[in-house]
């Protein structure tokens, strides 16, 4: 049911989400996916924190993620699940179609590497 006195939605304009905002959403989603899928504790700003960049064009977005993953692990499976999780979360939160998610594994970390330098 159209709102009284408002022009049709197509004539009202568009919501534009800047690339950097989409990238921040993707980085947060990647931290969650990294923790869930790769069992690496979420690290908001350390060297193991995932990074993301985004390129938004006419209602769709291409994402690039970079993160550390544990060794040993089934890399193809873990990467695929992380890409899927991030794409789903970004699409849900922004309303954009996620056309592509590339993932670069910066380094493989052992359990000892993941815990090194942290105070528990």
C-alpha atoms as a PDB file:
ATOM      1  CA  UNK A   1       0.000   0.000   0.000  1.00  0.00           C
ATOM      2  CA  UNK A   2       1.625   3.301  -1.102  1.00  0.00           C
ATOM      3  CA  UNK A   3       2.144   5.966   1.536  1.00  0.00           C
ATOM      4  CA  UNK A   4      -0.302   8.844   1.232  1.00  0.00           C
ATOM      5  CA  UNK A   5       1.162  11.899  -0.502  1.00  0.00           C
ATOM      6  CA  UNK A   6       4.504  10.276  -1.381  1.00  0.00           C
ATOM      7  CA  UNK A   7       5.709   9.767  -4.938  1.00  0.00           C
ATOM      8  CA  UNK A   8       6.298   6.179  -6.094  1.00  0.00           C
ATOM      9  CA  UNK A   9       9.520   4.619  -4.678  1.00  0.00           C
ATOM     10  CA  UNK A  10      11.297   4.756  -8.053  1.00  0.00           C
ATOM     11  CA  UNK A  11      10.864   8.536  -8.119  1.00  0.00           C
ATOM     12  CA  UNK A  12      12.031   9.201  -4.542  1.00  0.00           C
ATOM     13  CA  UNK A  13      15.728   8.686  -5.174  1.00  0.00           C
ATOM     14  CA  UNK A  14      18.256   6.078  -4.154  1.00  0.00           C
ATOM     15  CA  UNK A  15      20.214   5.124  -1.086  1.00  0.00           C
ATOM     16  CA  UNK A  16      23.935   5.112  -1.773  1.00  0.00           C
ATOM     17  CA  UNK A  17      26.245   3.154   0.515  1.00  0.00           C
ATOM     18  CA  UNK A  18      29.906   4.191   0.130  1.00  0.00           C
ATOM     19  CA  UNK A  19      32.527   1.545  -0.659  1.00  0.00           C
ATOM     20  CA  UNK A  20      34.304   2.098   2.674  1.00  0.00           C
ATOM     21  CA  UNK A  21      31.095   1.421   4.618  1.00  0.00           C
ATOM     22  CA  UNK A  22      30.444  -1.811   2.724  1.00  0.00           C
ATOM     23  CA  UNK A  23      34.102  -2.778   3.324  1.00  0.00           C
ATOM     24  CA  UNK A  24      33.704  -2.253   7.082  1.00  0.00           C
ATOM     25  CA  UNK A  25      30.573  -4.406   7.092  1.00  0.00           C
ATOM     26  CA  UNK A  26      32.438  -7.089   5.125  1.00  0.00           C
ATOM     27  CA  UNK A  27      35.432  -6.963   7.508  1.00  0.00           C
ATOM     28  CA  UNK A  28      33.136  -7.449  10.507  1.00  0.00           C
ATOM     29  CA  UNK A  29      31.369 -10.330   8.753  1.00  0.00           C
ATOM     30  CA  UNK A  30      34.766 -11.824   7.883  1.00  0.00           C
ATOM     31  CA  UNK A  31      35.873 -11.670  11.553  1.00  0.00           C
ATOM     32  CA  UNK A  32      32.732 -13.536  12.554  1.00  0.00           C
ATOM     33  CA  UNK A  33      33.127 -16.098   9.756  1.00  0.00           C
ATOM     34  CA  UNK A  34      36.847 -16.560  10.518  1.00  0.00           C
ATOM     35  CA  UNK A  35      36.017 -17.308  14.138  1.00  0.00           C
ATOM     36  CA  UNK A  36      33.114 -19.612  13.259  1.00  0.00           C
ATOM     37  CA  UNK A  37      34.560 -21.454  10.269  1.00  0.00           C
ATOM     38  CA  UNK A  38      38.291 -21.449  11.030  1.00  0.00           C
ATOM     39  CA  UNK A  39      38.279 -21.410  14.846  1.00  0.00           C
ATOM     40  CA  UNK A  40      40.469 -18.305  15.025  1.00  0.00           C
ATOM     41  CA  UNK A  41      39.318 -16.022  17.853  1.00  0.00           C
ATOM     42  CA  UNK A  42      37.979 -12.677  16.595  1.00  0.00           C
ATOM     43  CA  UNK A  43      40.678  -9.999  16.795  1.00  0.00           C
ATOM     44  CA  UNK A  44      39.413  -6.511  16.063  1.00  0.00           C
ATOM     45  CA  UNK A  45      42.701  -4.828  15.293  1.00  0.00           C
ATOM     46  CA  UNK A  46      45.651  -7.189  15.566  1.00  0.00           C
ATOM     47  CA  UNK A  47      47.714  -8.734  12.799  1.00  0.00           C
ATOM     48  CA  UNK A  48      45.239 -11.631  12.431  1.00  0.00           C
ATOM     49  CA  UNK A  49      42.215  -9.368  11.945  1.00  0.00           C
ATOM     50  CA  UNK A  50      40.659  -9.798   8.489  1.00  0.00           C
ATOM     51  CA  UNK A  51      40.684  -6.817   6.145  1.00  0.00           C
ATOM     52  CA  UNK A  52      38.243  -6.061   3.352  1.00  0.00           C
ATOM     53  CA  UNK A  53      37.788  -3.767   0.392  1.00  0.00           C
ATOM     54  CA  UNK A  54      34.639  -3.207  -1.642  1.00  0.00           C
ATOM     55  CA  UNK A  55      33.727  -1.836  -5.058  1.00  0.00           C
ATOM     56  CA  UNK A  56      30.050  -0.867  -5.305  1.00  0.00           C
ATOM     57  CA  UNK A  57      28.573  -0.370  -8.763  1.00  0.00           C
ATOM     58  CA  UNK A  58      24.871   0.045  -9.621  1.00  0.00           C
ATOM     59  CA  UNK A  59      23.336  -2.130  -6.917  1.00  0.00           C
ATOM     60  CA  UNK A  60      26.026  -4.786  -6.746  1.00  0.00           C
ATOM     61  CA  UNK A  61      29.333  -5.119  -4.964  1.00  0.00           C
ATOM     62  CA  UNK A  62      32.618  -6.959  -5.427  1.00  0.00           C
ATOM     63  CA  UNK A  63      34.444  -7.792  -2.205  1.00  0.00           C
ATOM     64  CA  UNK A  64      38.064  -8.652  -1.536  1.00  0.00           C
ATOM     65  CA  UNK A  65      38.987 -10.206   1.821  1.00  0.00           C
ATOM     66  CA  UNK A  66      42.424 -10.905   3.275  1.00  0.00           C
ATOM     67  CA  UNK A  67      42.869 -13.001   6.407  1.00  0.00           C
ATOM     68  CA  UNK A  68      44.930 -15.564   8.251  1.00  0.00           C
ATOM     69  CA  UNK A  69      43.679 -19.137   8.459  1.00  0.00           C
ATOM     70  CA  UNK A  70      44.707 -22.027  10.697  1.00  0.00           C
ATOM     71  CA  UNK A  71      47.098 -24.762   9.690  1.00  0.00           C
ATOM     72  CA  UNK A  72      46.256 -27.549   9.135  1.00  0.00           C
ATOM     73  CA  UNK A  73      42.771 -27.066   7.701  1.00  0.00           C
ATOM     74  CA  UNK A  74      40.739 -27.912   4.619  1.00  0.00           C
ATOM     75  CA  UNK A  75      41.506 -24.595   2.885  1.00  0.00           C
ATOM     76  CA  UNK A  76      39.139 -24.899  -0.102  1.00  0.00           C
ATOM     77  CA  UNK A  77      36.183 -25.784   2.117  1.00  0.00           C
ATOM     78  CA  UNK A  78      36.908 -23.156   4.785  1.00  0.00           C
ATOM     79  CA  UNK A  79      37.482 -20.423   2.186  1.00  0.00           C
ATOM     80  CA  UNK A  80      34.260 -21.300   0.373  1.00  0.00           C
ATOM     81  CA  UNK A  81      32.236 -21.200   3.609  1.00  0.00           C
ATOM     82  CA  UNK A  82      33.778 -17.865   4.659  1.00  0.00           C
ATOM     83  CA  UNK A  83      33.079 -16.355   1.230  1.00  0.00           C
ATOM     84  CA  UNK A  84      29.478 -17.567   1.391  1.00  0.00           C
ATOM     85  CA  UNK A  85      28.954 -16.289   4.960  1.00  0.00           C
ATOM     86  CA  UNK A  86      30.382 -12.847   4.156  1.00  0.00           C
ATOM     87  CA  UNK A  87      28.383 -12.531   0.920  1.00  0.00           C
ATOM     88  CA  UNK A  88      25.179 -13.483   2.693  1.00  0.00           C
ATOM     89  CA  UNK A  89      25.756 -11.064   5.588  1.00  0.00           C
ATOM     90  CA  UNK A  90      26.733  -8.130   3.357  1.00  0.00           C
ATOM     91  CA  UNK A  91      23.717  -8.706   1.092  1.00  0.00           C
ATOM     92  CA  UNK A  92      21.386  -8.936   4.089  1.00  0.00           C
ATOM     93  CA  UNK A  93      22.710  -5.777   5.756  1.00  0.00           C
ATOM     94  CA  UNK A  94      23.127  -3.569   2.683  1.00  0.00           C
ATOM     95  CA  UNK A  95      20.539  -4.826   0.211  1.00  0.00           C
ATOM     96  CA  UNK A  96      23.277  -5.019  -2.434  1.00  0.00           C
ATOM     97  CA  UNK A  97      23.817  -8.014  -4.674  1.00  0.00           C
ATOM     98  CA  UNK A  98      27.229  -9.517  -3.958  1.00  0.00           C
ATOM     99  CA  UNK A  99      28.667 -10.427  -7.336  1.00  0.00           C
ATOM    100  CA  UNK A 100      32.062 -11.685  -6.260  1.00  0.00           C
ATOM    101  CA  UNK A 101      34.015 -12.390  -3.085  1.00  0.00           C
ATOM    102  CA  UNK A 102      37.720 -13.033  -3.461  1.00  0.00           C
ATOM    103  CA  UNK A 103      39.696 -14.212  -0.475  1.00  0.00           C
ATOM    104  CA  UNK A 104      43.448 -13.948  -0.046  1.00  0.00           C
ATOM    105  CA  UNK A 105      45.036 -16.075   2.656  1.00  0.00           C
ATOM    106  CA  UNK A 106      47.762 -13.839   4.113  1.00  0.00           C
ATOM    107  CA  UNK A 107      49.351 -16.627   6.109  1.00  0.00           C
ATOM    108  CA  UNK A 108      48.627 -19.952   7.725  1.00  0.00           C
ATOM    109  CA  UNK A 109      48.856 -19.939  11.510  1.00  0.00           C
ATOM    110  CA  UNK A 110      49.329 -22.793  13.947  1.00  0.00           C
ATOM    111  CA  UNK A 111      47.624 -22.854  17.333  1.00  0.00           C
ATOM    112  CA  UNK A 112      50.899 -21.652  18.890  1.00  0.00           C
ATOM    113  CA  UNK A 113      51.067 -18.701  16.450  1.00  0.00           C
ATOM    114  CA  UNK A 114      47.468 -17.716  17.174  1.00  0.00           C
ATOM    115  CA  UNK A 115      48.118 -17.582  20.921  1.00  0.00           C
ATOM    116  CA  UNK A 116      51.567 -15.958  20.777  1.00  0.00           C
ATOM    117  CA  UNK A 117      51.718 -12.469  22.219  1.00  0.00           C
ATOM    118  CA  UNK A 118      48.303 -12.539  23.841  1.00  0.00           C
ATOM    119  CA  UNK A 119      47.713 -12.257  27.551  1.00  0.00           C
ATOM    120  CA  UNK A 120      45.087 -14.626  28.827  1.00  0.00           C
END
